[in-house]
Amino acid sequence: MTQHWYVVQTQTNFEDKAKTELERLMKSPEYAEKIVEVIVPTEEVIKISKNKKTVNKRKFFPGYVMVKMDLDEDTYWAVRKISGVKSFLSDRKKPIPLKEEEVAAIKEILDAPNLRPRPVVMFERDETLRIVDGPFKLLMGIVQDIYPDKARLKLMVTIFGRPTPVELDFTQVEKM
């Protein structure tokens, strides 16, 4: 048989456990040549809370794991028996292999050397925020623009009775 990429659906937050079990199967003599590669596509994101930046991993496709394997009756049931695995992505009769172009596109994104962590945008336009750091500390403003790639936003703040645009880092503001 030939090897193809398949998508395995898991319970929410069981992707890493399923990957670990699939890798354990890969090392067993029975499946060593049948299950070749396992991927849980993730990206790094910056989450800002209480003035602290933390870098977390976020899954591109929550609840899904990609597996390159020879699919036969034996490997199908070995994968399905893994705790947390629901099913294969299928056409109701049999699992559907991914197209090579789809896999190549996903791998290209994952292998990008200049992939910087992206901030998770927690603010919305026209939302009122409190400034917690910098020269405008304790003032309130309304979000005018959000620049997620820079982790900055523009607030309209009233200074000396006049609305003034102020650009701040996500870490310098908090929700009311």
N, C-alpha and C. Protein backbone atom coordinates (compact mmCIF):
# COMPACT_ATOMS: atom_id res chain seq x y z
N MET A 1 0.84 -1.20 0.00
CA MET A 1 0.00 0.00 0.00
C MET A 1 0.87 1.25 0.00
N THR A 2 0.27 2.34 -0.35
CA THR A 2 1.00 3.61 -0.34
C THR A 2 0.58 4.44 0.87
N GLN A 3 1.48 5.31 1.25
CA GLN A 3 1.22 6.16 2.42
C GLN A 3 0.56 7.46 1.99
N HIS A 4 -0.43 7.86 2.75
CA HIS A 4 -1.14 9.11 2.52
C HIS A 4 -1.32 9.82 3.86
N TRP A 5 -1.60 11.11 3.77
CA TRP A 5 -1.92 11.88 4.96
C TRP A 5 -3.41 11.79 5.22
N TYR A 6 -3.76 11.53 6.49
CA TYR A 6 -5.15 11.49 6.91
C TYR A 6 -5.34 12.43 8.09
N VAL A 7 -6.58 12.85 8.28
CA VAL A 7 -6.90 13.71 9.42
C VAL A 7 -7.69 12.89 10.42
N VAL A 8 -7.19 12.88 11.65
CA VAL A 8 -7.84 12.16 12.74
C VAL A 8 -8.52 13.18 13.64
N GLN A 9 -9.80 12.98 13.89
CA GLN A 9 -10.53 13.89 14.78
C GLN A 9 -10.42 13.38 16.21
N THR A 10 -10.10 14.31 17.13
CA THR A 10 -9.97 13.96 18.54
C THR A 10 -10.95 14.77 19.38
N GLN A 11 -11.06 14.38 20.62
CA GLN A 11 -11.81 15.21 21.55
C GLN A 11 -11.02 16.49 21.76
N THR A 12 -11.69 17.55 22.16
CA THR A 12 -11.03 18.82 22.39
C THR A 12 -9.93 18.65 23.43
N ASN A 13 -8.77 19.23 23.16
CA ASN A 13 -7.59 19.19 24.03
C ASN A 13 -6.97 17.80 24.17
N PHE A 14 -7.31 16.87 23.30
CA PHE A 14 -6.69 15.55 23.31
C PHE A 14 -5.70 15.38 22.16
N GLU A 15 -5.45 16.47 21.41
CA GLU A 15 -4.58 16.37 20.24
C GLU A 15 -3.18 15.89 20.62
N ASP A 16 -2.59 16.49 21.66
CA ASP A 16 -1.23 16.12 22.05
C ASP A 16 -1.16 14.70 22.61
N LYS A 17 -2.18 14.30 23.35
CA LYS A 17 -2.22 12.93 23.88
C LYS A 17 -2.33 11.93 22.73
N ALA A 18 -3.17 12.25 21.76
CA ALA A 18 -3.32 11.37 20.59
C ALA A 18 -2.01 11.30 19.82
N LYS A 19 -1.32 12.43 19.68
CA LYS A 19 -0.03 12.45 18.98
C LYS A 19 0.98 11.57 19.71
N THR A 20 1.03 11.67 21.03
CA THR A 20 1.96 10.85 21.82
C THR A 20 1.67 9.37 21.62
N GLU A 21 0.40 9.00 21.64
CA GLU A 21 0.03 7.59 21.45
C GLU A 21 0.34 7.12 20.03
N LEU A 22 0.10 7.98 19.05
CA LEU A 22 0.42 7.62 17.66
C LEU A 22 1.92 7.44 17.48
N GLU A 23 2.71 8.29 18.13
CA GLU A 23 4.17 8.15 18.06
C GLU A 23 4.63 6.87 18.76
N ARG A 24 3.93 6.49 19.82
CA ARG A 24 4.24 5.22 20.50
C ARG A 24 3.95 4.05 19.55
N LEU A 25 2.83 4.13 18.84
CA LEU A 25 2.51 3.10 17.85
C LEU A 25 3.57 3.03 16.76
N MET A 26 4.05 4.21 16.33
CA MET A 26 5.08 4.28 15.27
C MET A 26 6.33 3.50 15.67
N LYS A 27 6.64 3.49 16.95
CA LYS A 27 7.86 2.83 17.43
C LYS A 27 7.68 1.33 17.61
N SER A 28 6.44 0.86 17.62
CA SER A 28 6.22 -0.58 17.79
C SER A 28 6.53 -1.28 16.47
N PRO A 29 7.10 -2.49 16.54
CA PRO A 29 7.49 -3.20 15.31
C PRO A 29 6.31 -3.43 14.35
N GLU A 30 5.14 -3.62 14.90
CA GLU A 30 3.96 -3.92 14.08
C GLU A 30 3.55 -2.75 13.18
N TYR A 31 3.76 -1.51 13.67
CA TYR A 31 3.30 -0.33 12.93
C TYR A 31 4.43 0.59 12.46
N ALA A 32 5.67 0.21 12.70
CA ALA A 32 6.81 1.08 12.40
C ALA A 32 6.84 1.55 10.95
N GLU A 33 6.48 0.69 10.02
CA GLU A 33 6.51 1.07 8.61
C GLU A 33 5.15 1.53 8.09
N LYS A 34 4.14 1.41 8.92
CA LYS A 34 2.79 1.78 8.48
C LYS A 34 2.41 3.20 8.89
N ILE A 35 2.81 3.61 10.10
CA ILE A 35 2.54 4.97 10.57
C ILE A 35 3.87 5.71 10.55
N VAL A 36 3.98 6.72 9.71
CA VAL A 36 5.26 7.34 9.42
C VAL A 36 5.47 8.68 10.11
N GLU A 37 4.44 9.52 10.15
CA GLU A 37 4.61 10.87 10.68
C GLU A 37 3.30 11.36 11.28
N VAL A 38 3.42 12.15 12.36
CA VAL A 38 2.25 12.70 13.04
C VAL A 38 2.50 14.19 13.27
N ILE A 39 1.51 15.02 12.94
CA ILE A 39 1.65 16.47 13.12
C ILE A 39 0.39 17.03 13.79
N VAL A 40 0.62 17.89 14.79
CA VAL A 40 -0.45 18.72 15.35
C VAL A 40 -0.02 20.15 15.01
N PRO A 41 -0.55 20.73 13.92
CA PRO A 41 -0.12 22.08 13.51
C PRO A 41 -0.44 23.13 14.57
N THR A 42 0.62 23.83 15.02
CA THR A 42 0.46 24.87 16.04
C THR A 42 1.20 26.13 15.62
N GLU A 43 0.84 27.23 16.25
CA GLU A 43 1.55 28.50 16.08
C GLU A 43 1.73 29.12 17.45
N GLU A 44 2.74 29.96 17.58
CA GLU A 44 2.95 30.66 18.83
C GLU A 44 2.17 31.97 18.80
N VAL A 45 1.47 32.25 19.90
CA VAL A 45 0.73 33.50 20.02
C VAL A 45 1.11 34.17 21.34
N ILE A 46 1.06 35.49 21.33
CA ILE A 46 1.36 36.25 22.53
C ILE A 46 0.03 36.60 23.19
N LYS A 47 -0.10 36.23 24.44
CA LYS A 47 -1.31 36.58 25.19
C LYS A 47 -0.90 37.57 26.27
N ILE A 48 -1.66 38.63 26.37
CA ILE A 48 -1.34 39.68 27.33
C ILE A 48 -2.44 39.73 28.37
N SER A 49 -2.05 39.53 29.63
CA SER A 49 -3.02 39.65 30.71
C SER A 49 -2.30 40.19 31.94
N LYS A 50 -2.95 41.10 32.61
CA LYS A 50 -2.39 41.74 33.80
C LYS A 50 -0.97 42.27 33.55
N ASN A 51 -0.81 42.95 32.43
CA ASN A 51 0.45 43.58 32.04
C ASN A 51 1.60 42.61 31.83
N LYS A 52 1.32 41.35 31.61
CA LYS A 52 2.38 40.37 31.37
C LYS A 52 2.15 39.72 30.01
N LYS A 53 3.24 39.60 29.25
CA LYS A 53 3.18 38.92 27.97
C LYS A 53 3.58 37.47 28.19
N THR A 54 2.79 36.56 27.69
CA THR A 54 3.17 35.15 27.72
C THR A 54 3.02 34.60 26.31
N VAL A 55 3.96 33.74 25.93
CA VAL A 55 3.92 33.12 24.62
C VAL A 55 3.34 31.72 24.80
N ASN A 56 2.23 31.47 24.13
CA ASN A 56 1.55 30.17 24.20
C ASN A 56 1.48 29.56 22.82
N LYS A 57 1.25 28.25 22.78
CA LYS A 57 1.03 27.58 21.51
C LYS A 57 -0.47 27.45 21.30
N ARG A 58 -0.90 27.77 20.07
CA ARG A 58 -2.31 27.64 19.72
C ARG A 58 -2.41 26.71 18.51
N LYS A 59 -3.34 25.81 18.56
CA LYS A 59 -3.50 24.84 17.48
C LYS A 59 -4.22 25.49 16.30
N PHE A 60 -3.70 25.23 15.09
CA PHE A 60 -4.35 25.73 13.87
C PHE A 60 -5.72 25.09 13.71
N PHE A 61 -5.78 23.78 13.97
CA PHE A 61 -7.01 23.02 13.77
C PHE A 61 -7.35 22.29 15.06
N PRO A 62 -7.98 22.98 16.01
CA PRO A 62 -8.30 22.32 17.28
C PRO A 62 -9.17 21.07 17.06
N GLY A 63 -8.78 20.00 17.72
CA GLY A 63 -9.54 18.76 17.60
C GLY A 63 -9.11 17.86 16.45
N TYR A 64 -7.99 18.23 15.77
CA TYR A 64 -7.54 17.43 14.64
C TYR A 64 -6.04 17.17 14.69
N VAL A 65 -5.65 15.97 14.23
CA VAL A 65 -4.25 15.56 14.15
C VAL A 65 -4.03 15.03 12.73
N MET A 66 -2.90 15.36 12.14
CA MET A 66 -2.57 14.86 10.80
C MET A 66 -1.63 13.66 10.94
N VAL A 67 -1.93 12.58 10.20
CA VAL A 67 -1.14 11.35 10.30
C VAL A 67 -0.81 10.86 8.89
N LYS A 68 0.48 10.60 8.65
CA LYS A 68 0.89 9.98 7.38
C LYS A 68 1.04 8.50 7.64
N MET A 69 0.25 7.71 6.91
CA MET A 69 0.22 6.28 7.20
C MET A 69 -0.30 5.46 6.03
N ASP A 70 -0.02 4.14 6.10
CA ASP A 70 -0.67 3.17 5.23
C ASP A 70 -1.97 2.82 5.94
N LEU A 71 -3.08 3.10 5.30
CA LEU A 71 -4.36 2.83 5.95
C LEU A 71 -4.88 1.47 5.51
N ASP A 72 -4.96 0.56 6.45
CA ASP A 72 -5.61 -0.72 6.23
C ASP A 72 -6.50 -0.99 7.44
N GLU A 73 -7.15 -2.11 7.46
CA GLU A 73 -8.07 -2.44 8.56
C GLU A 73 -7.36 -2.40 9.91
N ASP A 74 -6.16 -2.93 9.95
CA ASP A 74 -5.39 -3.01 11.19
C ASP A 74 -5.00 -1.63 11.72
N THR A 75 -4.42 -0.78 10.85
CA THR A 75 -4.01 0.55 11.30
C THR A 75 -5.22 1.42 11.61
N TYR A 76 -6.30 1.24 10.85
CA TYR A 76 -7.52 2.01 11.11
C TYR A 76 -7.98 1.79 12.54
N TRP A 77 -8.10 0.52 12.94
CA TRP A 77 -8.61 0.23 14.29
C TRP A 77 -7.59 0.54 15.37
N ALA A 78 -6.31 0.42 15.06
CA ALA A 78 -5.28 0.79 16.05
C ALA A 78 -5.38 2.27 16.39
N VAL A 79 -5.62 3.10 15.38
CA VAL A 79 -5.76 4.55 15.60
C VAL A 79 -7.08 4.85 16.30
N ARG A 80 -8.16 4.22 15.85
CA ARG A 80 -9.48 4.48 16.44
C ARG A 80 -9.56 4.09 17.91
N LYS A 81 -8.76 3.11 18.34
CA LYS A 81 -8.79 2.64 19.74
C LYS A 81 -8.05 3.57 20.69
N ILE A 82 -7.30 4.53 20.15
CA ILE A 82 -6.54 5.45 21.00
C ILE A 82 -7.52 6.31 21.80
N SER A 83 -7.25 6.45 23.08
CA SER A 83 -8.11 7.24 23.95
C SER A 83 -8.16 8.69 23.46
N GLY A 84 -9.36 9.23 23.30
CA GLY A 84 -9.53 10.61 22.85
C GLY A 84 -9.75 10.74 21.36
N VAL A 85 -9.50 9.68 20.60
CA VAL A 85 -9.72 9.73 19.14
C VAL A 85 -11.18 9.43 18.86
N LYS A 86 -11.81 10.30 18.06
CA LYS A 86 -13.21 10.11 17.69
C LYS A 86 -13.34 9.33 16.39
N SER A 87 -12.66 9.82 15.33
CA SER A 87 -12.81 9.20 14.02
C SER A 87 -11.79 9.79 13.06
N PHE A 88 -11.82 9.27 11.85
CA PHE A 88 -11.05 9.85 10.75
C PHE A 88 -11.97 10.81 10.00
N LEU A 89 -11.39 11.81 9.36
CA LEU A 89 -12.15 12.67 8.47
C LEU A 89 -12.51 11.80 7.26
N SER A 90 -13.81 11.64 7.01
CA SER A 90 -14.21 10.68 5.99
C SER A 90 -15.41 11.17 5.19
N ASP A 91 -15.75 10.37 4.18
CA ASP A 91 -16.95 10.65 3.38
C ASP A 91 -18.10 9.75 3.83
N ARG A 92 -18.12 9.40 5.08
CA ARG A 92 -19.11 8.53 5.75
C ARG A 92 -18.85 7.05 5.50
N LYS A 93 -18.04 6.73 4.50
CA LYS A 93 -17.75 5.33 4.22
C LYS A 93 -16.31 4.98 4.55
N LYS A 94 -15.40 5.83 4.08
CA LYS A 94 -13.98 5.55 4.32
C LYS A 94 -13.22 6.86 4.50
N PRO A 95 -12.11 6.80 5.23
CA PRO A 95 -11.30 8.01 5.44
C PRO A 95 -10.81 8.59 4.11
N ILE A 96 -10.78 9.92 4.06
CA ILE A 96 -10.34 10.62 2.85
C ILE A 96 -8.90 11.09 3.05
N PRO A 97 -7.99 10.71 2.14
CA PRO A 97 -6.62 11.23 2.27
C PRO A 97 -6.55 12.70 1.88
N LEU A 98 -5.65 13.43 2.52
CA LEU A 98 -5.43 14.83 2.16
C LEU A 98 -4.67 14.90 0.84
N LYS A 99 -4.86 15.97 0.11
CA LYS A 99 -4.09 16.19 -1.11
C LYS A 99 -2.69 16.64 -0.72
N GLU A 100 -1.72 16.26 -1.51
CA GLU A 100 -0.32 16.63 -1.22
C GLU A 100 -0.14 18.14 -1.18
N GLU A 101 -0.89 18.88 -2.02
CA GLU A 101 -0.78 20.34 -2.02
C GLU A 101 -1.23 20.92 -0.68
N GLU A 102 -2.28 20.34 -0.10
CA GLU A 102 -2.77 20.81 1.19
C GLU A 102 -1.73 20.60 2.28
N VAL A 103 -1.14 19.43 2.28
CA VAL A 103 -0.11 19.11 3.28
C VAL A 103 1.10 20.01 3.08
N ALA A 104 1.50 20.21 1.83
CA ALA A 104 2.66 21.07 1.54
C ALA A 104 2.41 22.50 2.02
N ALA A 105 1.21 23.01 1.82
CA ALA A 105 0.88 24.37 2.26
C ALA A 105 0.95 24.49 3.78
N ILE A 106 0.42 23.51 4.48
CA ILE A 106 0.46 23.52 5.95
C ILE A 106 1.90 23.43 6.45
N LYS A 107 2.68 22.52 5.85
CA LYS A 107 4.08 22.37 6.27
C LYS A 107 4.89 23.63 5.98
N GLU A 108 4.58 24.30 4.89
CA GLU A 108 5.29 25.54 4.55
C GLU A 108 5.05 26.60 5.63
N ILE A 109 3.82 26.70 6.09
CA ILE A 109 3.51 27.65 7.16
C ILE A 109 4.25 27.28 8.44
N LEU A 110 4.26 25.99 8.77
CA LEU A 110 4.90 25.53 10.00
C LEU A 110 6.42 25.69 9.95
N ASP A 111 7.00 25.54 8.77
CA ASP A 111 8.46 25.60 8.63
C ASP A 111 8.99 27.00 8.37
N ALA A 112 8.11 27.99 8.28
CA ALA A 112 8.56 29.36 8.00
C ALA A 112 9.53 29.81 9.09
N PRO A 113 10.78 30.15 8.71
CA PRO A 113 11.78 30.51 9.72
C PRO A 113 11.51 31.84 10.41
N ASN A 114 10.83 32.74 9.74
CA ASN A 114 10.61 34.06 10.32
C ASN A 114 9.22 34.19 10.95
N LEU A 115 8.63 33.06 11.29
CA LEU A 115 7.31 33.08 11.91
C LEU A 115 7.43 33.59 13.34
N ARG A 116 6.95 34.81 13.56
CA ARG A 116 7.00 35.42 14.89
C ARG A 116 5.70 35.13 15.62
N PRO A 117 5.76 35.06 16.94
CA PRO A 117 4.52 34.89 17.68
C PRO A 117 3.56 36.05 17.40
N ARG A 118 2.30 35.71 17.17
CA ARG A 118 1.28 36.73 16.92
C ARG A 118 0.53 37.02 18.22
N PRO A 119 0.21 38.28 18.45
CA PRO A 119 -0.58 38.59 19.64
C PRO A 119 -2.04 38.17 19.47
N VAL A 120 -2.62 37.73 20.55
CA VAL A 120 -4.04 37.43 20.55
C VAL A 120 -4.76 38.74 20.82
N VAL A 121 -5.61 39.15 19.89
CA VAL A 121 -6.30 40.43 20.03
C VAL A 121 -7.51 40.23 20.94
N MET A 122 -7.50 40.95 22.05
CA MET A 122 -8.57 40.82 23.03
C MET A 122 -9.45 42.07 23.06
N PHE A 123 -9.15 43.02 22.19
CA PHE A 123 -9.86 44.29 22.21
C PHE A 123 -10.65 44.46 20.92
N GLU A 124 -11.69 45.29 21.00
CA GLU A 124 -12.52 45.57 19.83
C GLU A 124 -12.60 47.06 19.60
N ARG A 125 -12.84 47.42 18.38
CA ARG A 125 -13.03 48.83 18.02
C ARG A 125 -14.22 49.40 18.79
N ASP A 126 -14.11 50.66 19.21
CA ASP A 126 -15.14 51.38 19.98
C ASP A 126 -15.32 50.89 21.41
N GLU A 127 -14.41 50.04 21.88
CA GLU A 127 -14.46 49.55 23.26
C GLU A 127 -13.75 50.56 24.16
N THR A 128 -14.27 50.78 25.37
CA THR A 128 -13.64 51.70 26.32
C THR A 128 -12.64 50.94 27.18
N LEU A 129 -11.40 51.46 27.24
CA LEU A 129 -10.32 50.84 28.00
C LEU A 129 -9.73 51.82 28.99
N ARG A 130 -9.08 51.28 30.02
CA ARG A 130 -8.38 52.10 31.00
C ARG A 130 -6.88 51.95 30.73
N ILE A 131 -6.16 53.06 30.75
CA ILE A 131 -4.71 53.03 30.57
C ILE A 131 -4.09 52.74 31.93
N VAL A 132 -3.22 51.72 31.99
CA VAL A 132 -2.64 51.30 33.27
C VAL A 132 -1.14 51.56 33.38
N ASP A 133 -0.55 52.10 32.31
CA ASP A 133 0.89 52.32 32.33
C ASP A 133 1.23 53.48 31.41
N GLY A 134 2.28 54.20 31.75
CA GLY A 134 2.75 55.30 30.91
C GLY A 134 2.25 56.64 31.40
N PRO A 135 2.52 57.70 30.64
CA PRO A 135 2.17 59.06 31.07
C PRO A 135 0.67 59.31 31.16
N PHE A 136 -0.15 58.49 30.51
CA PHE A 136 -1.60 58.69 30.54
C PHE A 136 -2.29 57.72 31.49
N LYS A 137 -1.53 57.17 32.42
CA LYS A 137 -2.04 56.19 33.38
C LYS A 137 -3.32 56.71 34.05
N LEU A 138 -4.29 55.81 34.19
CA LEU A 138 -5.59 56.04 34.82
C LEU A 138 -6.60 56.78 33.93
N LEU A 139 -6.19 57.27 32.76
CA LEU A 139 -7.15 57.87 31.84
C LEU A 139 -7.90 56.76 31.11
N MET A 140 -9.04 57.11 30.55
CA MET A 140 -9.82 56.15 29.78
C MET A 140 -9.86 56.61 28.34
N GLY A 141 -10.00 55.64 27.45
CA GLY A 141 -10.06 55.97 26.04
C GLY A 141 -10.89 54.97 25.27
N ILE A 142 -11.25 55.36 24.07
CA ILE A 142 -12.05 54.51 23.19
C ILE A 142 -11.15 54.01 22.06
N VAL A 143 -11.18 52.70 21.81
CA VAL A 143 -10.34 52.09 20.79
C VAL A 143 -10.75 52.59 19.41
N GLN A 144 -9.78 53.16 18.68
CA GLN A 144 -10.01 53.64 17.32
C GLN A 144 -9.49 52.65 16.29
N ASP A 145 -8.25 52.17 16.51
CA ASP A 145 -7.62 51.22 15.60
C ASP A 145 -6.86 50.18 16.41
N ILE A 146 -6.73 48.99 15.83
CA ILE A 146 -5.97 47.90 16.46
C ILE A 146 -4.92 47.43 15.46
N TYR A 147 -3.68 47.30 15.93
CA TYR A 147 -2.56 46.84 15.10
C TYR A 147 -2.04 45.53 15.70
N PRO A 148 -2.68 44.40 15.40
CA PRO A 148 -2.30 43.14 16.04
C PRO A 148 -0.87 42.71 15.76
N ASP A 149 -0.35 43.01 14.57
CA ASP A 149 1.02 42.60 14.24
C ASP A 149 2.05 43.33 15.10
N LYS A 150 1.71 44.52 15.59
CA LYS A 150 2.62 45.29 16.45
C LYS A 150 2.24 45.18 17.92
N ALA A 151 1.13 44.52 18.23
CA ALA A 151 0.59 44.42 19.59
C ALA A 151 0.34 45.82 20.16
N ARG A 152 -0.20 46.70 19.31
CA ARG A 152 -0.49 48.08 19.71
C ARG A 152 -1.91 48.44 19.28
N LEU A 153 -2.41 49.53 19.89
CA LEU A 153 -3.71 50.04 19.50
C LEU A 153 -3.73 51.55 19.64
N LYS A 154 -4.69 52.17 18.97
CA LYS A 154 -4.84 53.62 19.05
C LYS A 154 -6.12 53.92 19.83
N LEU A 155 -5.96 54.69 20.92
CA LEU A 155 -7.10 55.10 21.74
C LEU A 155 -7.36 56.58 21.52
N MET A 156 -8.62 56.96 21.60
CA MET A 156 -8.98 58.37 21.59
C MET A 156 -9.20 58.74 23.06
N VAL A 157 -8.28 59.58 23.58
CA VAL A 157 -8.28 59.97 24.99
C VAL A 157 -8.59 61.46 25.08
N THR A 158 -9.40 61.86 26.06
CA THR A 158 -9.71 63.28 26.24
C THR A 158 -8.66 63.89 27.16
N ILE A 159 -7.83 64.79 26.59
CA ILE A 159 -6.78 65.48 27.34
C ILE A 159 -7.05 66.98 27.21
N PHE A 160 -7.13 67.67 28.34
CA PHE A 160 -7.43 69.11 28.37
C PHE A 160 -8.73 69.43 27.62
N GLY A 161 -9.71 68.53 27.75
CA GLY A 161 -11.01 68.78 27.14
C GLY A 161 -11.08 68.51 25.65
N ARG A 162 -9.99 67.97 25.06
CA ARG A 162 -9.99 67.71 23.62
C ARG A 162 -9.68 66.23 23.37
N PRO A 163 -10.37 65.62 22.41
CA PRO A 163 -10.05 64.23 22.07
C PRO A 163 -8.69 64.17 21.37
N THR A 164 -7.82 63.30 21.88
CA THR A 164 -6.46 63.18 21.35
C THR A 164 -6.16 61.70 21.08
N PRO A 165 -5.65 61.37 19.87
CA PRO A 165 -5.29 59.98 19.61
C PRO A 165 -3.97 59.63 20.30
N VAL A 166 -3.94 58.47 20.95
CA VAL A 166 -2.74 58.01 21.65
C VAL A 166 -2.51 56.56 21.24
N GLU A 167 -1.28 56.23 20.82
CA GLU A 167 -0.95 54.86 20.45
C GLU A 167 -0.24 54.19 21.61
N LEU A 168 -0.73 53.01 22.00
CA LEU A 168 -0.21 52.30 23.17
C LEU A 168 -0.01 50.82 22.87
N ASP A 169 0.84 50.17 23.69
CA ASP A 169 0.99 48.72 23.63
C ASP A 169 -0.23 48.07 24.27
N PHE A 170 -0.50 46.82 23.89
CA PHE A 170 -1.59 46.08 24.52
C PHE A 170 -1.37 45.98 26.03
N THR A 171 -0.10 45.94 26.46
CA THR A 171 0.20 45.79 27.88
C THR A 171 -0.11 47.04 28.69
N GLN A 172 -0.31 48.17 28.03
CA GLN A 172 -0.54 49.43 28.73
C GLN A 172 -2.01 49.72 28.99
N VAL A 173 -2.90 48.83 28.55
CA VAL A 173 -4.33 49.06 28.74
C VAL A 173 -5.00 47.81 29.31
N GLU A 174 -6.18 48.03 29.88
CA GLU A 174 -6.97 46.90 30.36
C GLU A 174 -8.44 47.22 30.14
N LYS A 175 -9.24 46.15 30.09
CA LYS A 175 -10.68 46.34 29.94
C LYS A 175 -11.25 46.92 31.22
N MET A 176 -12.34 47.64 31.08
CA MET A 176 -12.99 48.26 32.24
C MET A 176 -13.74 47.21 33.03
